[in-house]
């Protein structure tokens, strides 16, 4: 029998009825003989309610007190789930992050886990109890309550699975696995049976919202098998694991990720001298704006055009900074576009297959879609296109790489 860490997100525990349904599910696993550690989020909407209460009092709440407040959401859920389990004759015990002793650094609102004391949890498991732990929270060396930032319950679950050397960490959400792309855009999108940590990290960073990227990185680092499942329907979900030894059988492309939240800025006609990239990007970085893709073209007259993308929320600020930089570096003009999107194909199979980029560009050109920027890594190719072509591009690529077909038919 296995030791499983199961995490249930906010929608899975959103009402008392849903909590009762989770208790039924947990009871069935317990009766099958599994040892269980359950990690829960706050009931859906609860964290937002707490945030709005805080903001009614302070526009910028004090970080330490903010964490004390936010951590109460999960405390409600662990108690209610334990009550539901005990009512069903399943012995269970709840723990806050501090009670487990999930020790974090002292960066309030986005703390990182440093160590976990697994003694009490192991004792409970040996006594036949289900252990129910509050996700998203810990405690620093001084005993202050800390929270792990958005999506932190996924990270809690993976960290507990690593500490306990669990057989699997199962993340229950409102989707039944990881898909080749968003099924709302491509109705033939297919649930993947498995995907590698590397591919999942790329998919998450490129716009797929299924899992928090930090939890996937953590799982990859400690080699914790991670499975994404639906709370609301039975099914095998998607297993996220290390790369298969047999790369020959890997599909070339596993999935297509996309992101609408992009904006593009170009500073044109900059004198091409050493250090010019630094002079352009340093003020952007000092404004705490993250740059994603960068392209530089040098023309015959020794002037350069420098183009980069930022998150759309940072577009106005980045444009203001760039207009000041343009005067400083004697650029000819600044151009901008906040109606772009990024589409990416991801797959570890790209390492051993040639012609993937050609196939991608051909599929887009056949639909009359112009590529504005390209960026590649070993296992992904991203392109920036006009936002209005986004869904057309995703459908064209999904079809070109035959992602609708079962994996053994690729």
Protein backbone atom coordinates (compact mmCIF):
# COMPACT_ATOMS: atom_id res chain seq x y z
CA UNK A 1 0.00 0.00 0.00
CA UNK A 2 1.18 3.50 -0.77
CA UNK A 3 1.89 6.65 1.22
CA UNK A 4 0.05 9.39 -0.67
CA UNK A 5 0.05 13.14 -0.18
CA UNK A 6 -3.20 14.54 -1.63
CA UNK A 7 -3.86 18.24 -2.10
CA UNK A 8 -7.36 19.68 -2.53
CA UNK A 9 -7.63 23.24 -3.84
CA UNK A 10 -10.14 25.97 -3.02
CA UNK A 11 -12.90 24.86 -5.43
CA UNK A 12 -12.59 21.26 -4.17
CA UNK A 13 -13.34 22.44 -0.59
CA UNK A 14 -15.47 25.46 -1.55
CA UNK A 15 -18.61 24.46 0.40
CA UNK A 16 -19.51 22.11 3.26
CA UNK A 17 -20.97 19.70 0.68
CA UNK A 18 -17.67 19.69 -1.23
CA UNK A 19 -15.72 19.09 2.00
CA UNK A 20 -18.06 16.12 2.74
CA UNK A 21 -17.34 14.80 -0.81
CA UNK A 22 -13.57 15.09 -0.20
CA UNK A 23 -14.05 13.17 3.06
CA UNK A 24 -15.81 10.38 1.15
CA UNK A 25 -12.92 10.23 -1.33
CA UNK A 26 -10.31 10.17 1.46
CA UNK A 27 -12.25 7.44 3.31
CA UNK A 28 -12.22 5.25 0.17
CA UNK A 29 -8.42 5.61 -0.16
CA UNK A 30 -8.00 4.85 3.56
CA UNK A 31 -10.17 1.71 3.24
CA UNK A 32 -7.99 0.60 0.32
CA UNK A 33 -5.13 0.57 2.84
CA UNK A 34 -3.23 3.73 1.85
CA UNK A 35 -1.51 6.05 4.34
CA UNK A 36 -2.70 9.60 3.68
CA UNK A 37 -1.51 13.13 4.30
CA UNK A 38 -4.11 15.61 3.04
CA UNK A 39 -3.18 19.23 2.26
CA UNK A 40 -6.01 21.72 1.81
CA UNK A 41 -6.40 25.29 0.60
CA UNK A 42 -8.84 27.82 2.03
CA UNK A 43 -12.42 27.53 0.79
CA UNK A 44 -12.68 29.24 -2.62
CA UNK A 45 -13.10 33.01 -2.29
CA UNK A 46 -12.02 33.00 1.37
CA UNK A 47 -8.47 34.32 0.81
CA UNK A 48 -9.85 37.14 -1.36
CA UNK A 49 -12.40 37.97 1.37
CA UNK A 50 -9.61 38.20 3.96
CA UNK A 51 -7.50 40.37 1.64
CA UNK A 52 -10.40 42.80 1.13
CA UNK A 53 -10.99 43.00 4.90
CA UNK A 54 -7.35 43.91 5.42
CA UNK A 55 -7.45 46.53 2.67
CA UNK A 56 -10.49 48.19 4.25
CA UNK A 57 -8.21 48.98 7.20
CA UNK A 58 -4.82 49.45 5.51
CA UNK A 59 -4.16 50.01 1.81
CA UNK A 60 -0.75 48.30 2.25
CA UNK A 61 -1.23 45.86 5.15
CA UNK A 62 1.75 45.21 7.45
CA UNK A 63 3.31 42.01 6.01
CA UNK A 64 3.56 40.12 9.32
CA UNK A 65 -0.04 40.80 10.33
CA UNK A 66 -1.23 40.14 6.79
CA UNK A 67 0.20 36.60 7.02
CA UNK A 68 -1.44 36.05 10.42
CA UNK A 69 -4.77 36.95 8.79
CA UNK A 70 -4.33 35.01 5.53
CA UNK A 71 -3.28 31.79 7.28
CA UNK A 72 -6.67 31.54 9.02
CA UNK A 73 -8.42 30.49 5.78
CA UNK A 74 -6.75 27.08 5.70
CA UNK A 75 -7.24 26.61 9.44
CA UNK A 76 -11.01 26.58 8.88
CA UNK A 77 -10.74 23.91 6.16
CA UNK A 78 -8.46 21.51 8.09
CA UNK A 79 -10.82 21.52 11.07
CA UNK A 80 -13.96 20.99 8.96
CA UNK A 81 -12.37 18.17 6.92
CA UNK A 82 -11.20 16.39 10.09
CA UNK A 83 -14.73 16.67 11.53
CA UNK A 84 -16.16 15.18 8.31
CA UNK A 85 -13.64 12.31 8.44
CA UNK A 86 -14.22 11.56 12.14
CA UNK A 87 -17.98 11.56 11.48
CA UNK A 88 -17.28 8.81 8.90
CA UNK A 89 -15.33 6.73 11.42
CA UNK A 90 -11.93 7.74 9.97
CA UNK A 91 -9.41 8.84 12.59
CA UNK A 92 -7.91 12.17 11.54
CA UNK A 93 -5.86 14.98 13.02
CA UNK A 94 -5.40 18.54 11.75
CA UNK A 95 -2.17 20.54 11.71
CA UNK A 96 -1.40 24.15 10.87
CA UNK A 97 1.94 24.78 9.15
CA UNK A 98 3.36 25.91 12.50
CA UNK A 99 2.16 22.74 14.26
CA UNK A 100 3.87 20.48 11.71
CA UNK A 101 6.84 22.81 11.92
CA UNK A 102 7.18 23.73 8.29
CA UNK A 103 10.06 26.15 8.80
CA UNK A 104 10.42 28.95 6.24
CA UNK A 105 12.54 32.04 5.77
CA UNK A 106 11.12 35.34 7.07
CA UNK A 107 9.95 36.81 3.75
CA UNK A 108 6.30 37.44 4.65
CA UNK A 109 3.67 36.87 1.91
CA UNK A 110 6.07 34.78 -0.23
CA UNK A 111 8.20 32.72 2.14
CA UNK A 112 10.27 29.75 0.99
CA UNK A 113 10.32 26.42 2.83
CA UNK A 114 13.64 25.56 4.49
CA UNK A 115 12.88 22.42 6.50
CA UNK A 116 10.03 20.18 7.64
CA UNK A 117 9.79 18.22 10.90
CA UNK A 118 8.00 14.99 9.95
CA UNK A 119 8.00 13.33 13.44
CA UNK A 120 4.40 14.09 14.49
CA UNK A 121 3.02 13.24 11.06
CA UNK A 122 4.85 9.89 10.99
CA UNK A 123 3.61 9.04 14.50
CA UNK A 124 0.02 9.77 13.45
CA UNK A 125 0.36 7.73 10.25
CA UNK A 126 1.72 4.79 12.24
CA UNK A 127 -1.26 5.11 14.61
CA UNK A 128 -3.55 4.77 11.59
CA UNK A 129 -4.67 8.39 11.43
CA UNK A 130 -5.18 10.56 8.36
CA UNK A 131 -3.04 13.69 8.72
CA UNK A 132 -4.70 16.92 7.48
CA UNK A 133 -2.33 19.85 6.96
CA UNK A 134 -3.04 23.50 6.18
CA UNK A 135 -1.41 24.41 2.87
CA UNK A 136 0.20 27.74 1.96
CA UNK A 137 1.72 28.43 5.37
CA UNK A 138 4.67 27.88 7.66
CA UNK A 139 6.54 29.49 10.51
CA UNK A 140 9.95 31.19 10.62
CA UNK A 141 12.73 30.53 13.15
CA UNK A 142 11.28 33.25 15.44
CA UNK A 143 7.84 31.60 15.44
CA UNK A 144 6.17 34.16 13.15
CA UNK A 145 3.43 32.78 10.87
CA UNK A 146 4.42 33.04 7.19
CA UNK A 147 2.59 32.34 3.93
CA UNK A 148 4.09 30.94 0.74
CA UNK A 149 2.44 33.19 -1.86
CA UNK A 150 -0.23 32.40 -4.47
CA UNK A 151 -0.55 28.68 -5.22
CA UNK A 152 1.48 27.91 -2.11
CA UNK A 153 -0.66 24.91 -1.15
CA UNK A 154 0.74 23.00 -4.15
CA UNK A 155 4.23 23.75 -2.84
CA UNK A 156 3.26 22.59 0.68
CA UNK A 157 1.98 19.29 -0.72
CA UNK A 158 5.12 18.62 -2.77
CA UNK A 159 7.40 19.59 0.12
CA UNK A 160 5.57 17.23 2.51
CA UNK A 161 5.74 14.45 -0.09
CA UNK A 162 9.51 15.03 -0.41
CA UNK A 163 10.02 15.07 3.38
CA UNK A 164 7.94 11.91 3.90
CA UNK A 165 9.33 10.20 0.76
CA UNK A 166 5.73 9.63 -0.35
CA UNK A 167 4.99 7.31 -3.27
CA UNK A 168 3.05 10.05 -5.06
CA UNK A 169 1.86 13.61 -4.58
CA UNK A 170 -1.65 14.01 -6.02
CA UNK A 171 -2.97 17.48 -6.79
CA UNK A 172 -6.78 17.51 -7.06
CA UNK A 173 -8.15 20.51 -8.98
CA UNK A 174 -11.10 21.47 -11.15
CA UNK A 175 -9.47 19.96 -14.29
CA UNK A 176 -8.83 16.25 -14.83
CA UNK A 177 -5.20 16.54 -15.90
CA UNK A 178 -2.76 18.38 -18.14
CA UNK A 179 -3.96 18.85 -21.71
CA UNK A 180 -2.09 19.24 -25.01
CA UNK A 181 -3.51 22.78 -24.96
CA UNK A 182 -6.47 24.67 -23.47
CA UNK A 183 -9.61 22.63 -24.36
CA UNK A 184 -11.60 25.90 -24.47
CA UNK A 185 -9.53 26.93 -27.51
CA UNK A 186 -9.11 23.54 -29.22
CA UNK A 187 -11.98 21.13 -28.70
CA UNK A 188 -9.81 18.17 -29.79
CA UNK A 189 -7.23 18.90 -27.06
CA UNK A 190 -6.27 15.65 -25.36
CA UNK A 191 -5.41 14.84 -21.77
CA UNK A 192 -1.80 13.64 -21.50
CA UNK A 193 -1.15 10.41 -19.60
CA UNK A 194 2.25 11.73 -18.57
CA UNK A 195 4.57 14.68 -19.09
CA UNK A 196 8.10 15.40 -17.83
CA UNK A 197 8.95 17.91 -15.09
CA UNK A 198 10.87 19.96 -17.68
CA UNK A 199 7.91 20.12 -20.04
CA UNK A 200 5.52 21.01 -17.23
CA UNK A 201 7.81 23.81 -16.00
CA UNK A 202 7.93 25.24 -19.54
CA UNK A 203 4.15 24.88 -19.94
CA UNK A 204 3.53 26.59 -16.57
CA UNK A 205 5.97 29.43 -17.26
CA UNK A 206 4.52 29.94 -20.75
CA UNK A 207 0.93 30.35 -19.66
CA UNK A 208 -0.58 26.96 -18.70
CA UNK A 209 -2.37 27.59 -15.38
CA UNK A 210 -2.80 24.00 -14.16
CA UNK A 211 0.05 23.98 -11.61
CA UNK A 212 2.08 26.57 -9.77
CA UNK A 213 5.59 26.59 -11.34
CA UNK A 214 7.36 26.58 -7.96
CA UNK A 215 5.70 23.31 -6.95
CA UNK A 216 6.78 21.63 -10.21
CA UNK A 217 10.39 22.85 -9.75
CA UNK A 218 10.34 21.50 -6.19
CA UNK A 219 8.95 18.13 -7.34
CA UNK A 220 11.60 17.90 -10.08
CA UNK A 221 14.41 18.75 -7.66
CA UNK A 222 13.37 16.06 -5.15
CA UNK A 223 12.01 13.64 -7.79
CA UNK A 224 8.51 13.52 -6.29
CA UNK A 225 6.08 11.87 -8.75
CA UNK A 226 3.28 14.41 -9.18
CA UNK A 227 -0.19 13.61 -10.47
CA UNK A 228 -2.90 16.11 -11.48
CA UNK A 229 -6.47 14.81 -11.02
CA UNK A 230 -10.02 16.14 -10.93
CA UNK A 231 -11.87 16.43 -7.63
CA UNK A 232 -15.16 16.10 -9.47
CA UNK A 233 -14.73 13.12 -11.79
CA UNK A 234 -12.89 9.84 -11.59
CA UNK A 235 -9.93 9.27 -13.88
CA UNK A 236 -6.18 8.58 -13.97
CA UNK A 237 -5.19 12.25 -14.43
CA UNK A 238 -1.71 13.18 -15.70
CA UNK A 239 1.54 11.93 -14.14
CA UNK A 240 4.44 14.39 -14.08
CA UNK A 241 7.75 12.60 -13.74
CA UNK A 242 11.40 12.43 -14.80
CA UNK A 243 12.20 12.07 -18.51
CA UNK A 244 11.81 8.57 -19.90
CA UNK A 245 15.01 6.70 -20.68
CA UNK A 246 13.56 5.86 -24.07
CA UNK A 247 13.55 9.30 -25.69
CA UNK A 248 12.93 7.71 -29.11
CA UNK A 249 9.33 7.12 -28.08
CA UNK A 250 8.75 10.63 -26.74
CA UNK A 251 6.30 12.65 -28.84
CA UNK A 252 8.22 15.49 -30.50
CA UNK A 253 5.76 18.07 -29.15
CA UNK A 254 3.77 17.38 -25.98
CA UNK A 255 1.78 20.57 -25.73
CA UNK A 256 1.06 24.11 -26.82
CA UNK A 257 1.04 26.93 -24.29
CA UNK A 258 0.00 30.50 -24.93
CA UNK A 259 -0.14 33.81 -23.14
CA UNK A 260 -2.26 36.81 -24.01
CA UNK A 261 -0.75 39.04 -21.32
CA UNK A 262 2.20 40.28 -23.38
CA UNK A 263 3.25 43.67 -24.74
CA UNK A 264 6.09 44.53 -27.10
CA UNK A 265 8.37 47.58 -26.98
CA UNK A 266 10.95 48.63 -29.59
CA UNK A 267 13.61 51.30 -29.26
CA UNK A 268 14.71 51.98 -32.85
CA UNK A 269 17.80 53.56 -34.38
CA UNK A 270 20.10 53.31 -31.35
CA UNK A 271 23.83 53.86 -32.10
CA UNK A 272 25.39 50.37 -32.03
CA UNK A 273 28.06 50.75 -29.35
CA UNK A 274 29.25 48.39 -26.59
CA UNK A 275 27.05 48.52 -23.49
CA UNK A 276 23.96 49.82 -25.29
CA UNK A 277 21.83 46.80 -24.28
CA UNK A 278 22.73 47.44 -20.64
CA UNK A 279 21.81 51.13 -20.95
CA UNK A 280 18.41 50.16 -22.34
CA UNK A 281 17.56 47.26 -20.00
CA UNK A 282 19.05 48.41 -16.71
CA UNK A 283 16.44 51.19 -16.15
CA UNK A 284 13.69 48.68 -17.01
CA UNK A 285 15.10 46.22 -14.46
CA UNK A 286 15.49 48.99 -11.84
CA UNK A 287 11.77 49.73 -12.28
CA UNK A 288 11.22 46.07 -11.23
CA UNK A 289 9.81 45.12 -14.65
CA UNK A 290 10.58 41.62 -15.92
CA UNK A 291 11.64 41.29 -19.55
CA UNK A 292 10.70 38.12 -21.40
CA UNK A 293 11.89 37.86 -25.05
CA UNK A 294 14.61 40.06 -26.56
CA UNK A 295 15.55 40.59 -30.22
CA UNK A 296 18.26 42.92 -31.55
CA UNK A 297 18.88 43.81 -35.21
CA UNK A 298 21.85 45.84 -36.42
CA UNK A 299 21.40 47.75 -39.69
CA UNK A 300 24.05 48.79 -42.25
CA UNK A 301 24.40 52.32 -40.82
CA UNK A 302 25.60 50.95 -37.46
CA UNK A 303 22.34 51.64 -35.73
CA UNK A 304 20.43 48.94 -33.88
CA UNK A 305 16.76 48.21 -33.22
CA UNK A 306 16.19 46.64 -29.82
CA UNK A 307 12.84 44.89 -29.18
CA UNK A 308 11.65 43.17 -26.02
CA UNK A 309 8.42 41.94 -24.42
CA UNK A 310 7.02 42.57 -20.93
CA UNK A 311 3.86 41.57 -19.07
CA UNK A 312 0.92 43.66 -20.22
CA UNK A 313 0.38 44.98 -16.67
CA UNK A 314 3.87 46.57 -16.88
CA UNK A 315 3.34 48.00 -20.38
CA UNK A 316 2.59 51.64 -19.47
CA UNK A 317 5.42 51.88 -16.93
CA UNK A 318 7.89 50.21 -19.30
CA UNK A 319 6.91 52.61 -22.09
CA UNK A 320 7.48 55.64 -19.81
CA UNK A 321 10.91 54.33 -18.78
CA UNK A 322 11.85 53.57 -22.39
CA UNK A 323 10.90 57.05 -23.59
CA UNK A 324 13.38 58.52 -21.09
CA UNK A 325 16.03 55.98 -22.13
CA UNK A 326 15.52 56.92 -25.81
CA UNK A 327 16.66 60.49 -25.09
CA UNK A 328 19.64 59.21 -23.12
CA UNK A 329 20.89 56.86 -25.89
CA UNK A 330 19.96 59.14 -28.83
CA UNK A 331 17.47 56.68 -30.33
CA UNK A 332 15.39 57.68 -33.36
CA UNK A 333 12.03 56.45 -32.01
CA UNK A 334 10.13 54.22 -29.59
CA UNK A 335 7.41 51.91 -30.91
CA UNK A 336 5.05 49.80 -28.85
CA UNK A 337 2.28 47.25 -29.23
CA UNK A 338 0.14 45.81 -26.44
CA UNK A 339 -2.02 43.66 -28.72
CA UNK A 340 0.37 40.73 -29.09
CA UNK A 341 0.34 37.15 -27.81
CA UNK A 342 2.98 34.48 -27.32
CA UNK A 343 2.43 30.93 -28.57
CA UNK A 344 4.87 28.15 -27.64
CA UNK A 345 5.33 24.51 -28.56
CA UNK A 346 6.93 22.35 -25.86
CA UNK A 347 8.41 18.86 -25.99
CA UNK A 348 11.50 16.97 -24.78
CA UNK A 349 11.36 15.07 -28.08
CA UNK A 350 12.62 18.22 -29.86
CA UNK A 351 16.11 17.39 -28.60
CA UNK A 352 16.34 14.43 -30.94
CA UNK A 353 14.25 15.62 -33.90
CA UNK A 354 15.18 18.10 -36.63
CA UNK A 355 12.74 20.25 -38.60
CA UNK A 356 10.39 21.13 -35.72
CA UNK A 357 10.79 24.90 -36.20
CA UNK A 358 10.25 24.57 -39.96
CA UNK A 359 7.03 22.65 -39.38
CA UNK A 360 5.84 25.28 -36.89
CA UNK A 361 6.59 28.23 -39.20
CA UNK A 362 4.99 26.48 -42.16
CA UNK A 363 1.74 25.85 -40.22
CA UNK A 364 1.57 29.53 -39.25
CA UNK A 365 2.42 30.85 -42.71
CA UNK A 366 -0.30 28.68 -44.30
CA UNK A 367 -2.80 30.53 -42.10
CA UNK A 368 -1.31 33.90 -43.11
CA UNK A 369 0.02 34.55 -39.58
CA UNK A 370 3.08 36.79 -39.38
CA UNK A 371 5.76 35.95 -36.79
CA UNK A 372 7.11 39.06 -35.06
CA UNK A 373 9.67 37.49 -32.69
CA UNK A 374 11.12 34.01 -32.10
CA UNK A 375 12.81 32.53 -29.06
CA UNK A 376 14.00 28.95 -28.62
CA UNK A 377 15.41 26.62 -25.99
CA UNK A 378 16.25 22.92 -26.10
CA UNK A 379 12.65 21.87 -25.55
CA UNK A 380 10.53 24.83 -26.66
CA UNK A 381 9.97 27.33 -29.48
CA UNK A 382 8.03 30.51 -28.72
CA UNK A 383 6.74 33.05 -31.23
CA UNK A 384 5.12 36.44 -30.79
CA UNK A 385 2.17 37.11 -33.09
CA UNK A 386 -0.72 39.56 -33.40
CA UNK A 387 -3.18 38.79 -30.59
CA UNK A 388 -6.15 38.51 -32.96
CA UNK A 389 -4.57 35.38 -34.55
CA UNK A 390 -3.89 33.61 -31.25
CA UNK A 391 -6.66 31.00 -31.31
CA UNK A 392 -6.18 30.34 -35.03
CA UNK A 393 -2.43 29.79 -34.42
CA UNK A 394 -3.02 27.39 -31.52
CA UNK A 395 -5.52 25.34 -33.56
CA UNK A 396 -3.22 25.26 -36.61
CA UNK A 397 -0.24 24.05 -34.55
CA UNK A 398 -2.32 21.51 -32.61
CA UNK A 399 -3.37 20.04 -35.93
CA UNK A 400 0.09 20.26 -37.61
CA UNK A 401 1.73 18.31 -34.78
CA UNK A 402 -1.23 15.87 -34.62
CA UNK A 403 -1.68 16.41 -30.90
CA UNK A 404 -5.30 15.22 -31.10
CA UNK A 405 -4.04 11.67 -31.76
CA UNK A 406 -3.25 9.22 -28.94
CA UNK A 407 0.44 9.30 -27.95
CA UNK A 408 1.32 5.91 -29.47
CA UNK A 409 0.07 7.08 -32.91
CA UNK A 410 2.45 10.03 -33.24
